[in-house]
């Protein structure tokens, strides 16, 4: 998990950007909002021309969309040639591990650059406060806290 945190921090420093949407623009990752099944927040894949694409469910709220974009960017950066649907169908690879890694990347991207600012307001932050401030699901904030 240390390598994932370092990658997220390196991207933020290199591009001076903390927004996953801005990072996608800078990294030439195409992001589109479209109709997806209700249970699906987003999906990422590479085209035959090796272009990275992220599809986000257009019915997501602003904070959910930001988290889903960060999560899918995690897949693009960490698992560039893997597609969860084909992995589950055609291999014995562990899809939950890839999802956990993408969640951790999203947490590092959406929490770490803001932590000093948030701690000025609060002496110590609870995991619930971190989740609320970052817009992350509680389980993702818990993953970040457990691995920092």
N, C-alpha and C. Protein backbone atom coordinates (compact mmCIF):
# COMPACT_ATOMS: atom_id res chain seq x y z
N UNK A 1 0.82 -1.19 0.00
CA UNK A 1 0.00 0.00 0.00
C UNK A 1 0.87 1.27 0.00
N UNK A 2 2.08 1.14 0.51
CA UNK A 2 2.98 2.29 0.55
C UNK A 2 3.25 2.83 -0.86
N UNK A 3 3.42 1.92 -1.83
CA UNK A 3 3.69 2.35 -3.21
C UNK A 3 2.50 3.11 -3.79
N UNK A 4 1.31 2.71 -3.41
CA UNK A 4 0.10 3.37 -3.91
C UNK A 4 0.01 4.79 -3.36
N UNK A 5 0.29 4.93 -2.06
CA UNK A 5 0.30 6.26 -1.43
C UNK A 5 1.35 7.15 -2.10
N UNK A 6 2.54 6.60 -2.33
CA UNK A 6 3.61 7.38 -2.96
C UNK A 6 3.24 7.80 -4.37
N UNK A 7 2.57 6.93 -5.12
CA UNK A 7 2.14 7.28 -6.46
C UNK A 7 1.14 8.44 -6.43
N UNK A 8 0.15 8.35 -5.56
CA UNK A 8 -0.85 9.43 -5.46
C UNK A 8 -0.18 10.75 -5.07
N UNK A 9 0.72 10.70 -4.10
CA UNK A 9 1.42 11.93 -3.68
C UNK A 9 2.29 12.48 -4.80
N UNK A 10 2.97 11.60 -5.53
CA UNK A 10 3.82 12.03 -6.64
C UNK A 10 2.99 12.73 -7.72
N UNK A 11 1.82 12.18 -8.04
CA UNK A 11 0.95 12.80 -9.05
C UNK A 11 0.51 14.19 -8.61
N UNK A 12 0.09 14.31 -7.35
CA UNK A 12 -0.35 15.60 -6.82
C UNK A 12 0.79 16.62 -6.89
N UNK A 13 1.99 16.22 -6.52
CA UNK A 13 3.13 17.13 -6.56
C UNK A 13 3.54 17.46 -7.98
N UNK A 14 3.62 16.45 -8.83
CA UNK A 14 4.09 16.66 -10.20
C UNK A 14 3.17 17.57 -10.99
N UNK A 15 1.87 17.40 -10.81
CA UNK A 15 0.90 18.16 -11.61
C UNK A 15 0.26 19.31 -10.85
N UNK A 16 0.62 19.47 -9.58
CA UNK A 16 0.04 20.53 -8.74
C UNK A 16 -1.48 20.53 -8.84
N UNK A 17 -2.06 19.35 -8.77
CA UNK A 17 -3.50 19.19 -8.88
C UNK A 17 -3.96 18.13 -7.90
N UNK A 18 -5.09 18.37 -7.26
CA UNK A 18 -5.66 17.38 -6.35
C UNK A 18 -6.98 16.83 -6.86
N UNK A 19 -7.58 17.49 -7.82
CA UNK A 19 -8.84 17.02 -8.38
C UNK A 19 -8.59 15.84 -9.31
N UNK A 20 -9.31 14.74 -9.12
CA UNK A 20 -9.11 13.62 -10.04
C UNK A 20 -9.48 13.98 -11.48
N UNK A 21 -10.44 14.89 -11.65
CA UNK A 21 -10.82 15.30 -13.01
C UNK A 21 -9.70 16.08 -13.68
N UNK A 22 -9.08 16.96 -12.91
CA UNK A 22 -7.95 17.74 -13.43
C UNK A 22 -6.77 16.82 -13.75
N UNK A 23 -6.51 15.87 -12.86
CA UNK A 23 -5.42 14.92 -13.12
C UNK A 23 -5.70 14.09 -14.37
N UNK A 24 -6.94 13.69 -14.56
CA UNK A 24 -7.30 12.94 -15.78
C UNK A 24 -7.01 13.77 -17.02
N UNK A 25 -7.38 15.05 -16.99
CA UNK A 25 -7.08 15.93 -18.12
C UNK A 25 -5.58 15.99 -18.39
N UNK A 26 -4.81 16.19 -17.32
CA UNK A 26 -3.36 16.32 -17.46
C UNK A 26 -2.69 15.02 -17.91
N UNK A 27 -3.30 13.89 -17.57
CA UNK A 27 -2.74 12.59 -17.92
C UNK A 27 -3.35 12.03 -19.21
N UNK A 28 -4.18 12.82 -19.88
CA UNK A 28 -4.84 12.42 -21.13
C UNK A 28 -5.72 11.18 -20.94
N UNK A 29 -6.41 11.14 -19.80
CA UNK A 29 -7.40 10.09 -19.55
C UNK A 29 -8.76 10.70 -19.86
N UNK A 30 -9.47 10.12 -20.81
CA UNK A 30 -10.77 10.64 -21.21
C UNK A 30 -11.84 10.23 -20.21
N UNK A 31 -12.61 11.21 -19.72
CA UNK A 31 -13.68 10.95 -18.76
C UNK A 31 -15.00 11.35 -19.40
N UNK A 32 -15.96 10.42 -19.35
CA UNK A 32 -17.29 10.67 -19.91
C UNK A 32 -18.34 10.30 -18.88
N UNK A 33 -19.40 11.09 -18.83
CA UNK A 33 -20.55 10.76 -18.01
C UNK A 33 -21.61 10.15 -18.91
N UNK A 34 -22.17 9.04 -18.47
CA UNK A 34 -23.15 8.35 -19.31
C UNK A 34 -24.11 7.55 -18.44
N UNK A 35 -25.09 6.95 -19.09
CA UNK A 35 -26.03 6.07 -18.39
C UNK A 35 -25.34 4.75 -18.09
N UNK A 36 -25.27 4.40 -16.82
CA UNK A 36 -24.74 3.11 -16.40
C UNK A 36 -25.76 2.49 -15.46
N UNK A 37 -25.71 1.19 -15.25
CA UNK A 37 -26.62 0.58 -14.28
C UNK A 37 -26.50 1.28 -12.93
N UNK A 38 -27.59 1.37 -12.20
CA UNK A 38 -27.63 2.13 -10.95
C UNK A 38 -26.56 1.69 -9.95
N UNK A 39 -26.25 0.40 -9.90
CA UNK A 39 -25.27 -0.11 -8.94
C UNK A 39 -23.83 0.14 -9.38
N UNK A 40 -23.64 0.70 -10.56
CA UNK A 40 -22.30 0.91 -11.10
C UNK A 40 -21.96 2.40 -11.09
N UNK A 41 -20.94 2.75 -10.30
CA UNK A 41 -20.52 4.15 -10.24
C UNK A 41 -19.67 4.55 -11.42
N UNK A 42 -18.84 3.63 -11.87
CA UNK A 42 -17.95 3.93 -12.99
C UNK A 42 -17.21 2.71 -13.44
N UNK A 43 -16.51 2.87 -14.54
CA UNK A 43 -15.70 1.79 -15.11
C UNK A 43 -14.57 2.43 -15.90
N UNK A 44 -13.43 1.77 -15.92
CA UNK A 44 -12.30 2.27 -16.72
C UNK A 44 -11.79 1.16 -17.60
N UNK A 45 -11.22 1.56 -18.73
CA UNK A 45 -10.66 0.58 -19.66
C UNK A 45 -9.71 1.29 -20.61
N UNK A 46 -8.97 0.49 -21.35
CA UNK A 46 -8.10 1.03 -22.39
C UNK A 46 -8.64 0.62 -23.74
N UNK A 47 -8.60 1.55 -24.68
CA UNK A 47 -9.05 1.26 -26.03
C UNK A 47 -7.95 0.49 -26.76
N UNK A 48 -8.26 0.01 -27.94
CA UNK A 48 -7.26 -0.70 -28.74
C UNK A 48 -6.08 0.20 -29.08
N UNK A 49 -6.31 1.51 -29.11
CA UNK A 49 -5.24 2.47 -29.41
C UNK A 49 -4.45 2.84 -28.16
N UNK A 50 -4.71 2.14 -27.03
CA UNK A 50 -4.04 2.38 -25.75
C UNK A 50 -4.43 3.69 -25.08
N UNK A 51 -5.59 4.21 -25.40
CA UNK A 51 -6.11 5.39 -24.73
C UNK A 51 -6.90 4.95 -23.51
N UNK A 52 -6.70 5.61 -22.39
CA UNK A 52 -7.45 5.29 -21.17
C UNK A 52 -8.76 6.07 -21.16
N UNK A 53 -9.82 5.37 -20.76
CA UNK A 53 -11.16 5.95 -20.73
C UNK A 53 -11.81 5.61 -19.40
N UNK A 54 -12.47 6.60 -18.81
CA UNK A 54 -13.26 6.40 -17.60
C UNK A 54 -14.69 6.79 -17.93
N UNK A 55 -15.62 5.90 -17.64
CA UNK A 55 -17.05 6.19 -17.77
C UNK A 55 -17.62 6.33 -16.37
N UNK A 56 -18.32 7.44 -16.11
CA UNK A 56 -18.93 7.68 -14.81
C UNK A 56 -20.45 7.72 -14.96
N UNK A 57 -21.12 7.17 -14.00
CA UNK A 57 -22.58 7.19 -13.99
C UNK A 57 -23.05 8.64 -13.83
N UNK A 58 -23.82 9.11 -14.79
CA UNK A 58 -24.26 10.51 -14.76
C UNK A 58 -25.23 10.81 -13.63
N UNK A 59 -25.75 9.80 -12.97
CA UNK A 59 -26.71 10.00 -11.89
C UNK A 59 -26.04 10.17 -10.52
N UNK A 60 -24.72 10.16 -10.48
CA UNK A 60 -24.00 10.34 -9.22
C UNK A 60 -24.02 11.80 -8.80
N UNK A 61 -24.01 12.03 -7.48
CA UNK A 61 -23.86 13.37 -6.96
C UNK A 61 -22.42 13.84 -7.13
N UNK A 62 -22.18 15.10 -6.84
CA UNK A 62 -20.85 15.70 -7.04
C UNK A 62 -19.75 14.95 -6.27
N UNK A 63 -19.97 14.67 -5.00
CA UNK A 63 -18.95 14.00 -4.18
C UNK A 63 -18.75 12.55 -4.63
N UNK A 64 -19.84 11.86 -4.94
CA UNK A 64 -19.73 10.47 -5.42
C UNK A 64 -18.97 10.42 -6.74
N UNK A 65 -19.25 11.38 -7.61
CA UNK A 65 -18.59 11.44 -8.92
C UNK A 65 -17.08 11.66 -8.74
N UNK A 66 -16.72 12.50 -7.80
CA UNK A 66 -15.30 12.77 -7.52
C UNK A 66 -14.62 11.51 -7.00
N UNK A 67 -15.25 10.82 -6.05
CA UNK A 67 -14.69 9.58 -5.53
C UNK A 67 -14.58 8.53 -6.63
N UNK A 68 -15.63 8.35 -7.42
CA UNK A 68 -15.60 7.34 -8.49
C UNK A 68 -14.52 7.65 -9.52
N UNK A 69 -14.35 8.92 -9.85
CA UNK A 69 -13.30 9.30 -10.80
C UNK A 69 -11.93 8.98 -10.22
N UNK A 70 -11.72 9.29 -8.94
CA UNK A 70 -10.44 9.00 -8.29
C UNK A 70 -10.20 7.49 -8.24
N UNK A 71 -11.25 6.73 -7.93
CA UNK A 71 -11.14 5.27 -7.88
C UNK A 71 -10.78 4.71 -9.25
N UNK A 72 -11.47 5.15 -10.29
CA UNK A 72 -11.19 4.66 -11.64
C UNK A 72 -9.83 5.11 -12.13
N UNK A 73 -9.41 6.32 -11.75
CA UNK A 73 -8.05 6.77 -12.08
C UNK A 73 -7.03 5.85 -11.41
N UNK A 74 -7.36 5.38 -10.21
CA UNK A 74 -6.51 4.41 -9.53
C UNK A 74 -6.35 3.15 -10.38
N UNK A 75 -7.44 2.66 -10.94
CA UNK A 75 -7.34 1.49 -11.82
C UNK A 75 -6.47 1.80 -13.04
N UNK A 76 -6.66 2.97 -13.62
CA UNK A 76 -5.87 3.35 -14.81
C UNK A 76 -4.38 3.37 -14.48
N UNK A 77 -4.03 3.92 -13.32
CA UNK A 77 -2.63 4.05 -12.94
C UNK A 77 -2.03 2.75 -12.43
N UNK A 78 -2.82 1.97 -11.68
CA UNK A 78 -2.30 0.77 -11.03
C UNK A 78 -2.49 -0.51 -11.82
N UNK A 79 -3.57 -0.56 -12.60
CA UNK A 79 -3.94 -1.78 -13.34
C UNK A 79 -4.28 -1.43 -14.78
N UNK A 80 -3.35 -0.88 -15.53
CA UNK A 80 -3.67 -0.29 -16.83
C UNK A 80 -4.27 -1.24 -17.87
N UNK A 81 -3.93 -2.49 -17.83
CA UNK A 81 -4.44 -3.40 -18.86
C UNK A 81 -5.45 -4.40 -18.32
N UNK A 82 -6.01 -4.12 -17.15
CA UNK A 82 -6.95 -5.06 -16.55
C UNK A 82 -8.36 -4.49 -16.58
N UNK A 83 -9.31 -5.35 -16.81
CA UNK A 83 -10.72 -5.00 -16.80
C UNK A 83 -11.40 -5.97 -15.84
N UNK A 84 -12.04 -5.43 -14.79
CA UNK A 84 -12.62 -6.28 -13.75
C UNK A 84 -13.61 -7.30 -14.29
N UNK A 85 -14.37 -6.92 -15.28
CA UNK A 85 -15.37 -7.84 -15.83
C UNK A 85 -14.70 -9.04 -16.50
N UNK A 86 -13.70 -8.78 -17.31
CA UNK A 86 -13.03 -9.90 -17.98
C UNK A 86 -12.17 -10.69 -17.00
N UNK A 87 -11.61 -10.04 -15.99
CA UNK A 87 -10.82 -10.74 -14.98
C UNK A 87 -11.70 -11.76 -14.25
N UNK A 88 -12.87 -11.30 -13.82
CA UNK A 88 -13.77 -12.18 -13.07
C UNK A 88 -14.23 -13.36 -13.92
N UNK A 89 -14.45 -13.14 -15.20
CA UNK A 89 -14.94 -14.20 -16.07
C UNK A 89 -13.86 -15.16 -16.54
N UNK A 90 -12.65 -14.66 -16.80
CA UNK A 90 -11.65 -15.46 -17.51
C UNK A 90 -10.39 -15.82 -16.74
N UNK A 91 -10.27 -15.36 -15.50
CA UNK A 91 -9.03 -15.65 -14.77
C UNK A 91 -9.34 -16.01 -13.33
N UNK A 92 -8.29 -16.33 -12.61
CA UNK A 92 -8.41 -16.60 -11.18
C UNK A 92 -7.82 -15.45 -10.36
N UNK A 93 -7.59 -14.32 -11.00
CA UNK A 93 -7.04 -13.18 -10.28
C UNK A 93 -8.06 -12.63 -9.29
N UNK A 94 -7.58 -11.97 -8.28
CA UNK A 94 -8.43 -11.50 -7.18
C UNK A 94 -8.96 -10.09 -7.44
N UNK A 95 -10.18 -10.01 -7.94
CA UNK A 95 -10.80 -8.71 -8.23
C UNK A 95 -10.92 -7.85 -6.97
N UNK A 96 -11.32 -8.40 -5.81
CA UNK A 96 -11.41 -7.55 -4.62
C UNK A 96 -10.09 -6.85 -4.26
N UNK A 97 -8.97 -7.50 -4.52
CA UNK A 97 -7.68 -6.86 -4.24
C UNK A 97 -7.49 -5.62 -5.10
N UNK A 98 -7.84 -5.72 -6.39
CA UNK A 98 -7.70 -4.58 -7.29
C UNK A 98 -8.64 -3.45 -6.87
N UNK A 99 -9.83 -3.80 -6.43
CA UNK A 99 -10.79 -2.79 -5.98
C UNK A 99 -10.29 -2.09 -4.72
N UNK A 100 -9.71 -2.86 -3.82
CA UNK A 100 -9.16 -2.29 -2.58
C UNK A 100 -8.01 -1.34 -2.90
N UNK A 101 -7.15 -1.73 -3.84
CA UNK A 101 -6.03 -0.87 -4.23
C UNK A 101 -6.53 0.43 -4.86
N UNK A 102 -7.54 0.34 -5.71
CA UNK A 102 -8.10 1.55 -6.34
C UNK A 102 -8.77 2.43 -5.29
N UNK A 103 -9.43 1.82 -4.32
CA UNK A 103 -10.03 2.59 -3.22
C UNK A 103 -8.96 3.32 -2.41
N UNK A 104 -7.87 2.62 -2.13
CA UNK A 104 -6.80 3.24 -1.36
C UNK A 104 -6.16 4.40 -2.13
N UNK A 105 -5.96 4.22 -3.43
CA UNK A 105 -5.44 5.30 -4.27
C UNK A 105 -6.38 6.51 -4.19
N UNK A 106 -7.69 6.27 -4.32
CA UNK A 106 -8.68 7.36 -4.25
C UNK A 106 -8.60 8.06 -2.90
N UNK A 107 -8.48 7.27 -1.83
CA UNK A 107 -8.40 7.86 -0.50
C UNK A 107 -7.15 8.73 -0.35
N UNK A 108 -6.03 8.23 -0.80
CA UNK A 108 -4.78 9.01 -0.73
C UNK A 108 -4.91 10.31 -1.53
N UNK A 109 -5.53 10.22 -2.68
CA UNK A 109 -5.69 11.38 -3.55
C UNK A 109 -6.65 12.41 -2.94
N UNK A 110 -7.71 11.94 -2.31
CA UNK A 110 -8.75 12.85 -1.82
C UNK A 110 -8.60 13.25 -0.36
N UNK A 111 -7.70 12.60 0.37
CA UNK A 111 -7.51 12.95 1.79
C UNK A 111 -6.17 13.65 2.02
N UNK A 112 -5.09 13.05 1.59
CA UNK A 112 -3.76 13.51 1.98
C UNK A 112 -3.46 14.97 1.66
N UNK A 113 -3.79 15.47 0.46
CA UNK A 113 -3.47 16.87 0.18
C UNK A 113 -4.21 17.87 1.07
N UNK A 114 -5.30 17.43 1.70
CA UNK A 114 -6.14 18.35 2.49
C UNK A 114 -5.99 18.14 3.99
N UNK A 115 -5.26 17.14 4.40
CA UNK A 115 -5.20 16.76 5.80
C UNK A 115 -4.69 17.88 6.71
N UNK A 116 -3.65 18.56 6.31
CA UNK A 116 -3.10 19.64 7.13
C UNK A 116 -4.14 20.75 7.32
N UNK A 117 -4.83 21.09 6.26
CA UNK A 117 -5.88 22.13 6.33
C UNK A 117 -7.01 21.69 7.27
N UNK A 118 -7.43 20.45 7.17
CA UNK A 118 -8.52 19.95 8.01
C UNK A 118 -8.10 19.89 9.47
N UNK A 119 -6.83 19.52 9.72
CA UNK A 119 -6.38 19.39 11.10
C UNK A 119 -6.25 20.74 11.79
N UNK A 120 -6.22 21.84 11.05
CA UNK A 120 -6.25 23.16 11.67
C UNK A 120 -7.59 23.39 12.34
N UNK A 121 -8.63 22.79 11.78
CA UNK A 121 -9.98 22.96 12.32
C UNK A 121 -10.26 21.98 13.46
N UNK A 122 -9.66 20.85 13.41
CA UNK A 122 -9.92 19.80 14.39
C UNK A 122 -8.59 19.34 14.97
N UNK A 123 -8.56 19.15 16.28
CA UNK A 123 -7.33 18.65 16.88
C UNK A 123 -7.04 17.23 16.39
N UNK A 124 -8.02 16.38 16.46
CA UNK A 124 -7.89 15.03 15.90
C UNK A 124 -9.17 14.72 15.15
N UNK A 125 -9.01 14.12 14.02
CA UNK A 125 -10.16 13.78 13.19
C UNK A 125 -10.54 12.32 13.38
N UNK A 126 -11.83 12.07 13.48
CA UNK A 126 -12.30 10.69 13.51
C UNK A 126 -12.42 10.19 12.08
N UNK A 127 -12.52 8.91 11.92
CA UNK A 127 -12.67 8.34 10.59
C UNK A 127 -13.98 8.81 9.95
N UNK A 128 -15.01 9.02 10.75
CA UNK A 128 -16.28 9.54 10.21
C UNK A 128 -16.12 10.96 9.69
N UNK A 129 -15.35 11.78 10.40
CA UNK A 129 -15.09 13.14 9.94
C UNK A 129 -14.27 13.14 8.66
N UNK A 130 -13.28 12.27 8.59
CA UNK A 130 -12.46 12.17 7.39
C UNK A 130 -13.32 11.78 6.20
N UNK A 131 -14.20 10.80 6.39
CA UNK A 131 -15.10 10.38 5.32
C UNK A 131 -15.99 11.52 4.87
N UNK A 132 -16.53 12.24 5.82
CA UNK A 132 -17.43 13.37 5.50
C UNK A 132 -16.69 14.48 4.77
N UNK A 133 -15.52 14.87 5.26
CA UNK A 133 -14.76 15.95 4.64
C UNK A 133 -14.27 15.60 3.24
N UNK A 134 -13.90 14.35 3.04
CA UNK A 134 -13.34 13.94 1.76
C UNK A 134 -14.38 13.50 0.75
N UNK A 135 -15.60 13.19 1.22
CA UNK A 135 -16.63 12.69 0.33
C UNK A 135 -16.48 11.21 0.02
N UNK A 136 -15.65 10.52 0.79
CA UNK A 136 -15.42 9.10 0.57
C UNK A 136 -16.42 8.26 1.35
N UNK A 137 -16.74 7.08 0.83
CA UNK A 137 -17.52 6.15 1.64
C UNK A 137 -16.74 5.82 2.92
N UNK A 138 -17.45 5.54 3.99
CA UNK A 138 -16.81 5.26 5.28
C UNK A 138 -15.80 4.11 5.16
N UNK A 139 -16.14 3.05 4.42
CA UNK A 139 -15.22 1.90 4.31
C UNK A 139 -13.90 2.31 3.64
N UNK A 140 -13.93 3.29 2.75
CA UNK A 140 -12.70 3.74 2.09
C UNK A 140 -11.88 4.60 3.04
N UNK A 141 -12.54 5.45 3.81
CA UNK A 141 -11.82 6.24 4.82
C UNK A 141 -11.20 5.31 5.86
N UNK A 142 -11.91 4.25 6.23
CA UNK A 142 -11.37 3.28 7.18
C UNK A 142 -10.14 2.57 6.60
N UNK A 143 -10.18 2.25 5.33
CA UNK A 143 -9.04 1.63 4.66
C UNK A 143 -7.83 2.55 4.72
N UNK A 144 -8.04 3.84 4.47
CA UNK A 144 -6.95 4.81 4.51
C UNK A 144 -6.36 4.90 5.91
N UNK A 145 -7.24 5.02 6.92
CA UNK A 145 -6.77 5.12 8.31
C UNK A 145 -5.98 3.88 8.71
N UNK A 146 -6.45 2.71 8.30
CA UNK A 146 -5.79 1.46 8.67
C UNK A 146 -4.41 1.31 8.00
N UNK A 147 -4.18 2.00 6.90
CA UNK A 147 -2.92 1.83 6.15
C UNK A 147 -2.01 3.03 6.15
N UNK A 148 -2.31 4.04 6.95
CA UNK A 148 -1.42 5.20 6.90
C UNK A 148 -0.24 5.10 7.79
